[in-house]
N, C-alpha and C. Protein backbone atom coordinates (compact mmCIF):
# COMPACT_ATOMS: atom_id res chain seq x y z
N UNK A 1 69.23 112.41 48.61
CA UNK A 1 70.39 111.04 48.69
C UNK A 1 71.59 111.90 48.52
N UNK A 2 72.63 111.53 49.62
CA UNK A 2 73.87 112.32 49.66
C UNK A 2 74.77 111.41 48.67
N UNK A 3 76.00 112.16 47.42
CA UNK A 3 76.48 111.81 46.54
C UNK A 3 77.84 110.75 47.41
N UNK A 4 78.54 111.33 48.16
CA UNK A 4 79.39 110.53 48.82
C UNK A 4 79.04 109.13 49.60
N UNK A 5 78.07 109.11 49.84
CA UNK A 5 77.38 108.01 50.71
C UNK A 5 76.70 107.17 49.99
N UNK A 6 76.34 107.44 48.58
CA UNK A 6 75.09 106.52 48.00
C UNK A 6 76.05 105.01 48.09
N UNK A 7 75.03 103.76 48.33
CA UNK A 7 75.22 102.48 47.65
C UNK A 7 74.72 102.59 46.72
N UNK A 8 74.74 101.22 46.15
CA UNK A 8 74.53 100.70 45.09
C UNK A 8 72.72 100.63 44.87
N UNK A 9 72.06 100.63 43.99
CA UNK A 9 70.62 100.27 43.65
C UNK A 9 70.65 98.73 44.36
N UNK A 10 69.56 98.89 45.21
CA UNK A 10 68.57 97.62 45.82
C UNK A 10 69.00 96.56 44.56
N UNK A 11 68.62 97.19 43.31
CA UNK A 11 68.28 95.84 42.02
C UNK A 11 69.36 96.06 41.16
N UNK A 12 70.57 96.59 41.75
CA UNK A 12 71.48 96.54 41.10
C UNK A 12 72.15 94.91 40.73
N UNK A 13 72.54 94.69 38.91
CA UNK A 13 73.17 95.66 38.12
C UNK A 13 72.53 96.12 37.22
N UNK A 14 71.06 95.44 37.01
CA UNK A 14 69.83 96.05 36.38
C UNK A 14 69.69 97.44 36.39
N UNK A 15 69.60 98.19 38.06
CA UNK A 15 69.39 99.14 38.16
C UNK A 15 70.39 100.18 38.53
N UNK A 16 70.53 101.29 38.03
CA UNK A 16 71.40 102.10 39.39
C UNK A 16 70.94 103.45 39.41
N UNK A 17 72.08 104.02 40.13
CA UNK A 17 72.04 105.38 40.60
C UNK A 17 72.55 106.11 39.26
N UNK A 18 72.43 106.86 38.87
CA UNK A 18 73.48 108.02 37.86
C UNK A 18 73.49 108.91 38.70
N UNK A 19 74.80 109.60 39.16
CA UNK A 19 75.13 110.95 39.35
C UNK A 19 75.74 111.54 38.25
N UNK A 20 74.61 112.55 37.80
CA UNK A 20 75.29 113.67 36.65
C UNK A 20 76.33 114.10 37.08
N UNK A 21 77.66 113.99 35.92
CA UNK A 21 78.35 114.59 36.02
C UNK A 21 78.61 115.52 34.97
N UNK A 22 77.95 115.33 33.27
CA UNK A 22 78.20 116.61 32.37
C UNK A 22 77.07 116.40 32.40
N UNK A 23 76.15 117.20 32.39
CA UNK A 23 74.99 117.70 31.56
C UNK A 23 74.95 117.90 30.55
N UNK A 24 73.55 117.75 29.85
CA UNK A 24 73.24 118.05 28.68
C UNK A 24 73.74 118.99 27.93
N UNK A 25 73.92 119.52 26.67
CA UNK A 25 74.75 120.42 26.17
C UNK A 25 75.57 121.23 26.60
N UNK A 26 76.68 120.73 27.58
CA UNK A 26 77.56 121.46 28.24
C UNK A 26 78.85 121.74 27.78
N UNK A 27 79.10 122.42 27.08
CA UNK A 27 80.50 122.54 26.30
C UNK A 27 81.29 122.23 27.03
N UNK A 28 81.97 122.82 28.22
CA UNK A 28 83.08 122.59 28.83
C UNK A 28 82.94 121.31 29.65
N UNK A 29 84.04 120.38 30.13
CA UNK A 29 84.00 119.28 31.11
C UNK A 29 83.63 119.52 32.47
N UNK A 30 83.14 119.19 32.85
CA UNK A 30 82.77 119.12 34.50
C UNK A 30 83.45 118.41 35.09
N UNK A 31 83.69 118.58 36.59
CA UNK A 31 85.01 117.55 37.28
C UNK A 31 84.18 117.90 39.29
N UNK A 32 83.99 116.87 39.84
CA UNK A 32 83.52 116.73 40.69
C UNK A 32 84.33 116.79 42.11
N UNK A 33 84.39 117.20 42.89
CA UNK A 33 85.59 117.55 43.92
C UNK A 33 84.81 116.82 45.02
N UNK A 34 85.14 115.64 45.43
CA UNK A 34 84.70 115.13 46.82
C UNK A 34 84.82 115.59 48.16
N UNK A 35 85.75 115.95 48.33
CA UNK A 35 86.42 116.69 49.78
C UNK A 35 85.29 117.72 49.84
N UNK A 36 84.97 118.73 48.92
CA UNK A 36 83.93 119.71 49.40
C UNK A 36 82.78 119.37 48.61
N UNK A 37 82.15 118.29 48.12
CA UNK A 37 81.02 117.91 47.38
C UNK A 37 80.59 118.93 45.95
N UNK A 38 81.50 119.65 45.25
CA UNK A 38 80.88 120.37 44.14
C UNK A 38 81.25 120.17 42.97
N UNK A 39 80.77 120.75 41.91
CA UNK A 39 81.30 120.41 40.80
C UNK A 39 81.85 121.90 39.82
N UNK A 40 82.54 121.60 39.08
CA UNK A 40 83.28 122.91 38.91
C UNK A 40 83.81 122.66 36.97
N UNK A 41 83.33 123.39 36.56
CA UNK A 41 84.02 123.48 34.64
C UNK A 41 85.30 123.09 34.69
N UNK A 42 85.67 122.75 34.06
CA UNK A 42 87.51 122.23 33.59
C UNK A 42 87.74 123.76 32.12
N UNK A 43 89.00 123.83 32.01
CA UNK A 43 89.02 124.43 30.90
C UNK A 43 89.47 123.87 29.55
N UNK A 44 88.63 123.04 29.75
CA UNK A 44 88.68 122.04 27.99
C UNK A 44 86.90 121.85 27.68
N UNK A 45 87.40 121.15 26.53
CA UNK A 45 85.71 120.99 25.87
C UNK A 45 85.53 119.76 26.54
N UNK A 46 83.98 119.23 26.52
CA UNK A 46 83.42 118.29 26.76
C UNK A 46 83.81 117.19 25.42
N UNK A 47 84.42 116.09 25.69
CA UNK A 47 84.42 115.02 24.52
C UNK A 47 83.17 114.88 24.26
N UNK A 48 81.64 114.55 24.97
CA UNK A 48 80.50 114.36 24.62
C UNK A 48 79.85 115.31 23.62
N UNK A 49 80.15 116.16 24.22
CA UNK A 49 79.63 117.77 23.52
C UNK A 49 79.92 117.67 21.93
N UNK A 50 81.60 117.60 21.93
CA UNK A 50 82.51 117.85 20.52
C UNK A 50 81.72 116.52 19.73
N UNK A 51 81.34 115.66 20.60
CA UNK A 51 80.77 114.21 19.50
C UNK A 51 79.12 114.07 19.17
N UNK A 52 78.89 115.36 19.89
CA UNK A 52 77.15 115.28 19.32
C UNK A 52 76.46 114.64 20.55
N UNK A 53 76.76 114.20 21.33
CA UNK A 53 76.29 113.22 22.20
C UNK A 53 74.54 114.37 22.89
N UNK A 54 73.44 114.49 22.44
CA UNK A 54 72.80 115.40 22.87
C UNK A 54 71.14 114.64 23.93
N UNK A 55 71.13 113.61 23.60
CA UNK A 55 70.73 112.68 23.88
C UNK A 55 70.63 112.22 25.74
N UNK A 56 71.71 112.36 26.37
CA UNK A 56 72.03 111.87 27.53
C UNK A 56 72.55 112.99 28.00
N UNK A 57 72.99 111.98 28.91
CA UNK A 57 74.31 112.45 30.21
C UNK A 57 75.45 111.68 30.54
N UNK A 58 76.39 112.10 31.00
CA UNK A 58 77.61 111.63 31.23
C UNK A 58 77.08 111.66 33.30
N UNK A 59 78.11 110.43 33.79
CA UNK A 59 78.35 110.75 35.23
C UNK A 59 78.88 109.23 35.72
N UNK A 60 78.53 108.68 36.77
CA UNK A 60 78.40 107.66 37.30
C UNK A 60 77.59 106.67 38.02
N UNK A 61 77.86 106.08 38.60
CA UNK A 61 76.94 104.78 38.99
C UNK A 61 77.45 105.29 40.62
N UNK A 62 76.05 105.75 40.97
CA UNK A 62 75.95 105.78 42.74
C UNK A 62 76.65 104.40 43.33
N UNK A 63 77.13 104.42 43.98
CA UNK A 63 77.25 103.10 44.95
C UNK A 63 78.80 102.70 44.38
N UNK A 64 79.57 103.23 43.39
CA UNK A 64 80.44 102.30 42.88
C UNK A 64 81.70 102.83 42.85
N UNK A 65 81.67 103.99 44.08
CA UNK A 65 83.08 104.92 43.85
C UNK A 65 82.73 106.19 43.52
N UNK A 66 83.28 106.92 44.16
CA UNK A 66 83.54 108.69 44.00
C UNK A 66 84.40 108.96 42.64
N UNK A 67 84.62 109.79 42.22
CA UNK A 67 85.64 110.57 41.14
C UNK A 67 86.28 111.23 42.27
N UNK A 68 87.62 111.40 41.74
CA UNK A 68 88.40 110.75 41.34
C UNK A 68 88.86 109.21 41.42
N UNK A 69 88.28 108.82 42.69
CA UNK A 69 88.62 107.35 43.08
C UNK A 69 88.05 106.38 41.85
N UNK A 70 88.27 105.25 42.18
CA UNK A 70 87.81 104.20 41.08
C UNK A 70 86.21 104.31 41.07
N UNK A 71 85.47 103.93 40.12
CA UNK A 71 84.35 103.93 39.76
C UNK A 71 84.08 103.67 38.61
N UNK A 72 82.29 103.38 38.39
CA UNK A 72 81.97 103.08 36.90
C UNK A 72 81.39 104.27 36.27
N UNK A 73 81.85 104.64 35.08
CA UNK A 73 81.15 105.65 34.24
C UNK A 73 80.19 105.14 33.57
N UNK A 74 78.48 106.10 33.44
CA UNK A 74 77.49 105.70 32.64
C UNK A 74 77.11 106.81 31.77
N UNK A 75 76.90 106.15 30.74
CA UNK A 75 75.96 107.27 29.96
C UNK A 75 74.64 107.15 29.87
N UNK A 76 73.61 108.12 30.20
CA UNK A 76 72.42 108.02 30.23
C UNK A 76 71.80 108.37 29.18
N UNK A 77 70.75 107.50 28.77
CA UNK A 77 70.26 108.19 27.70
C UNK A 77 68.87 108.92 28.30
N UNK A 78 68.17 110.11 28.31
CA UNK A 78 66.89 110.62 28.88
C UNK A 78 66.76 111.98 28.23
N UNK A 79 65.09 111.84 28.82
CA UNK A 79 64.59 112.75 27.70
C UNK A 79 64.80 114.16 29.19
N UNK A 80 65.12 114.29 30.04
CA UNK A 80 65.17 114.97 31.32
C UNK A 80 66.72 115.63 30.99
N UNK A 81 66.46 117.06 31.87
CA UNK A 81 67.65 117.85 31.48
C UNK A 81 68.04 118.12 32.95
N UNK A 82 68.82 117.27 33.57
CA UNK A 82 69.39 117.32 35.10
C UNK A 82 70.72 118.17 35.36
N UNK A 83 70.88 119.01 36.38
CA UNK A 83 71.96 119.54 36.85
C UNK A 83 73.39 118.62 37.24
N UNK A 84 74.47 119.02 37.16
CA UNK A 84 75.32 118.60 38.29
C UNK A 84 74.92 117.91 39.26
N UNK A 85 75.26 117.06 39.47
CA UNK A 85 75.24 116.32 40.92
C UNK A 85 73.37 115.70 41.09
N UNK A 86 72.95 116.18 40.15
CA UNK A 86 71.40 115.41 40.29
C UNK A 86 71.73 113.96 40.04
N UNK A 87 70.60 112.93 40.79
CA UNK A 87 70.69 111.40 40.87
C UNK A 87 69.44 110.81 40.32
N UNK A 88 69.81 110.03 39.55
CA UNK A 88 68.83 109.48 38.58
C UNK A 88 68.68 108.06 38.28
N UNK A 89 67.60 107.69 38.21
CA UNK A 89 67.56 106.26 38.31
C UNK A 89 67.84 105.35 36.36
N UNK A 90 68.28 104.79 36.41
CA UNK A 90 69.31 104.19 35.43
C UNK A 90 68.89 102.70 35.39
N UNK A 91 68.49 102.19 33.83
CA UNK A 91 68.38 100.72 33.62
C UNK A 91 69.68 100.70 32.95
N UNK A 92 70.65 99.69 33.09
CA UNK A 92 71.72 99.17 32.19
C UNK A 92 71.05 98.27 31.25
N UNK A 93 71.85 99.11 29.95
CA UNK A 93 71.48 97.92 29.10
C UNK A 93 72.43 97.68 27.81
N UNK A 94 74.16 98.30 28.37
CA UNK A 94 75.19 97.75 27.40
C UNK A 94 76.24 98.43 28.23
N UNK A 95 77.34 98.32 27.38
CA UNK A 95 78.41 98.83 28.04
C UNK A 95 79.38 99.11 26.69
N UNK A 96 80.43 100.01 26.64
CA UNK A 96 81.50 100.23 25.40
C UNK A 96 82.75 99.80 26.34
N UNK A 97 83.47 98.50 26.03
CA UNK A 97 84.48 98.35 26.34
C UNK A 97 85.80 98.71 25.76
N UNK A 98 86.84 99.46 26.72
CA UNK A 98 87.77 100.16 26.07
C UNK A 98 89.03 99.12 26.78
N UNK A 99 90.14 99.65 25.92
CA UNK A 99 91.25 98.71 26.20
C UNK A 99 91.82 98.90 27.60
N UNK A 100 91.50 100.03 27.96
CA UNK A 100 92.41 100.93 28.56
C UNK A 100 91.62 100.34 30.61
N UNK A 101 90.75 99.50 29.92
CA UNK A 101 89.92 99.31 31.22
C UNK A 101 89.04 100.41 32.09
N UNK A 102 88.97 101.99 31.22
CA UNK A 102 87.71 102.78 31.80
C UNK A 102 86.60 102.53 31.12
N UNK A 103 86.03 101.60 31.38
CA UNK A 103 84.88 101.16 30.30
C UNK A 103 83.76 102.24 30.82
N UNK A 104 82.83 102.47 29.65
CA UNK A 104 81.42 103.24 29.67
C UNK A 104 80.36 102.31 29.83
N UNK A 105 79.60 102.55 30.67
CA UNK A 105 78.24 101.74 31.01
C UNK A 105 77.02 102.63 30.10
N UNK A 106 76.12 101.74 29.56
CA UNK A 106 75.15 102.54 28.97
C UNK A 106 73.49 102.22 29.71
N UNK A 107 72.68 103.40 30.05
CA UNK A 107 71.85 103.40 30.88
C UNK A 107 70.67 103.98 30.48
N UNK A 108 69.84 103.87 30.47
CA UNK A 108 68.36 104.36 29.63
C UNK A 108 67.26 105.05 31.43
N UNK A 109 66.81 106.11 30.95
CA UNK A 109 65.85 106.26 31.85
C UNK A 109 64.48 105.23 31.59
N UNK A 110 63.67 105.81 33.02
CA UNK A 110 61.97 104.84 32.94
C UNK A 110 61.37 105.36 32.03
N UNK A 111 61.41 106.69 31.28
CA UNK A 111 60.53 106.46 30.09
C UNK A 111 61.08 105.91 28.64
N UNK A 112 62.94 105.96 28.87
CA UNK A 112 62.80 105.43 27.24
C UNK A 112 62.61 103.86 27.62
N UNK A 113 63.11 103.08 28.52
CA UNK A 113 63.10 101.94 29.07
C UNK A 113 61.52 101.32 28.70
N UNK A 114 60.86 102.23 29.04
CA UNK A 114 59.35 101.85 28.65
C UNK A 114 59.08 101.44 26.94
N UNK A 115 60.32 102.01 26.36
CA UNK A 115 59.65 101.66 24.87
C UNK A 115 60.92 101.44 24.29
N UNK A 116 61.18 100.09 25.30
CA UNK A 116 62.00 98.98 24.55
C UNK A 116 61.59 97.71 24.74
N UNK A 117 61.96 96.82 23.94
CA UNK A 117 61.04 95.49 24.49
C UNK A 117 61.96 95.10 25.56
N UNK A 118 63.30 95.00 25.48
CA UNK A 118 63.95 94.81 26.60
C UNK A 118 65.02 95.53 27.13
N UNK A 119 66.27 95.77 28.29
CA UNK A 119 66.56 96.71 28.19
C UNK A 119 68.53 96.43 27.69
N UNK A 120 68.73 96.18 26.76
CA UNK A 120 69.33 95.80 25.72
C UNK A 120 69.86 97.02 24.76
N UNK A 121 71.21 97.20 24.39
CA UNK A 121 71.16 97.95 23.45
C UNK A 121 70.85 97.24 21.77
N UNK A 122 70.09 96.44 21.64
CA UNK A 122 69.59 95.75 20.60
C UNK A 122 68.24 96.52 20.27
N UNK A 123 67.36 96.80 21.48
CA UNK A 123 66.29 97.35 21.39
C UNK A 123 66.12 98.78 21.31
N UNK A 124 67.52 99.61 21.09
CA UNK A 124 67.58 101.22 21.78
C UNK A 124 66.86 101.80 20.37
N UNK A 125 66.26 102.54 20.30
CA UNK A 125 65.64 103.09 18.99
C UNK A 125 67.24 103.48 18.34
N UNK A 126 67.01 103.46 16.72
CA UNK A 126 68.30 103.47 15.96
C UNK A 126 68.95 105.37 16.16
N UNK A 127 68.34 106.16 16.40
CA UNK A 127 68.76 106.97 16.58
C UNK A 127 69.64 107.32 18.04
N UNK A 128 69.11 106.78 18.88
CA UNK A 128 70.11 106.60 19.90
C UNK A 128 71.09 105.92 19.97
N UNK A 129 71.15 104.69 19.63
CA UNK A 129 72.38 103.66 18.61
C UNK A 129 73.08 104.68 17.86
N UNK A 130 73.15 105.48 16.94
CA UNK A 130 73.87 106.08 16.21
C UNK A 130 74.64 106.93 16.99
N UNK A 131 73.73 107.63 17.65
CA UNK A 131 74.49 108.76 18.62
C UNK A 131 75.59 108.20 19.41
N UNK A 132 75.39 107.05 20.33
CA UNK A 132 76.23 106.15 20.94
C UNK A 132 77.59 105.95 19.75
N UNK A 133 77.60 105.56 18.87
CA UNK A 133 78.47 104.82 18.12
C UNK A 133 79.44 106.72 17.76
N UNK A 134 78.68 107.35 17.74
CA UNK A 134 79.62 108.87 17.38
C UNK A 134 80.51 108.95 18.76
N UNK A 135 80.40 108.67 19.76
CA UNK A 135 81.19 109.09 20.60
C UNK A 135 82.41 108.76 20.76
N UNK A 136 82.06 107.16 20.10
CA UNK A 136 83.49 106.53 19.94
C UNK A 136 83.90 106.03 18.71
N UNK A 137 84.18 106.69 17.83
CA UNK A 137 84.37 106.52 16.56
C UNK A 137 84.85 105.77 15.49
N UNK A 138 86.07 105.52 16.50
CA UNK A 138 87.30 104.48 16.45
C UNK A 138 87.59 103.83 17.20
N UNK A 139 87.17 102.46 17.15
CA UNK A 139 87.08 100.78 17.89
C UNK A 139 88.37 100.08 17.68
N UNK A 140 89.19 100.00 18.89
CA UNK A 140 90.11 99.42 18.64
C UNK A 140 90.11 97.66 18.80
N UNK A 141 91.17 97.14 18.82
CA UNK A 141 91.18 95.73 18.73
C UNK A 141 90.64 95.70 20.33
N UNK A 142 90.00 94.63 20.63
CA UNK A 142 89.48 94.61 22.22
C UNK A 142 88.66 95.30 22.63
N UNK A 143 88.05 96.17 21.73
CA UNK A 143 86.92 97.20 22.27
C UNK A 143 85.78 97.34 21.70
N UNK A 144 84.72 97.77 21.62
CA UNK A 144 83.58 97.79 21.34
C UNK A 144 81.80 98.09 22.03
N UNK A 145 81.12 97.95 21.25
CA UNK A 145 79.91 97.87 22.18
C UNK A 145 79.09 97.04 22.48
N UNK A 146 78.84 96.34 23.85
CA UNK A 146 78.17 95.34 23.74
C UNK A 146 76.68 95.45 24.65
N UNK A 147 76.37 94.34 24.67
CA UNK A 147 74.75 94.48 25.43
C UNK A 147 74.83 93.95 26.86
N UNK A 148 73.42 94.13 27.00
CA UNK A 148 73.14 93.97 28.59
C UNK A 148 74.14 92.81 29.35
N UNK A 149 74.14 91.78 28.72
CA UNK A 149 74.69 90.78 29.75
C UNK A 149 76.11 90.75 29.85
N UNK A 150 76.68 91.13 29.01
CA UNK A 150 78.38 91.44 29.24
C UNK A 150 78.44 92.66 29.87
N UNK A 151 77.32 93.63 30.08
CA UNK A 151 77.65 95.11 30.72
C UNK A 151 77.67 94.54 32.63
N UNK A 152 76.41 93.61 32.12
CA UNK A 152 76.32 93.28 33.94
C UNK A 152 77.59 92.32 34.50
N UNK A 153 77.75 91.23 33.57
CA UNK A 153 79.03 90.63 33.98
C UNK A 153 80.39 91.41 34.44
N UNK A 154 80.62 92.66 33.48
CA UNK A 154 81.71 93.71 34.45
C UNK A 154 81.20 94.32 35.50
N UNK A 155 79.88 94.80 35.75
CA UNK A 155 79.62 95.25 36.90
C UNK A 155 79.91 94.62 38.26
N UNK A 156 79.26 93.57 38.04
CA UNK A 156 79.46 92.45 39.08
C UNK A 156 80.78 91.37 39.75
N UNK A 157 82.26 92.28 38.69
CA UNK A 157 83.40 91.74 38.66
C UNK A 157 83.91 92.67 40.34
N UNK A 158 84.20 92.47 41.35
CA UNK A 158 84.70 93.07 42.50
C UNK A 158 86.40 93.59 42.49
N UNK A 159 86.51 94.95 42.58
CA UNK A 159 85.60 95.39 43.53
C UNK A 159 85.04 96.28 42.29
N UNK A 160 84.02 97.07 43.25
CA UNK A 160 83.45 98.19 42.33
C UNK A 160 84.19 99.80 42.50
């Protein structure tokens, strides 16, 4: 699959394509250049690395746009260790709503999903949930972690 021409997963919003922008254990922030289809290391530290998000990767929902243009960010909990640009299947289970509207959707891979009662933050293993909470230790007014139904409602708003 070509990153710039991805379309939403046929079972969107329940399932999504996750384009990996920030691999696990990457100290520096990575960024995508859509003009030449490459990823490059920035000069500053990754927030996810700094806050101990070790059980997943960060990227965007394929088909929702391509950074730096409008797109949906996603945190994918996974046992895999994909590289920048790899495209994985994710099951949406929640969202962190931000005051600036740069919401962060949460997805799990197939393996983690199989161990959950339902695809919702409330069914996540406690260790994964605590890891997510560390990403945004200060929650402002109107912000917070919400389950799958809220995530779906935001994903289905137009435009993507």
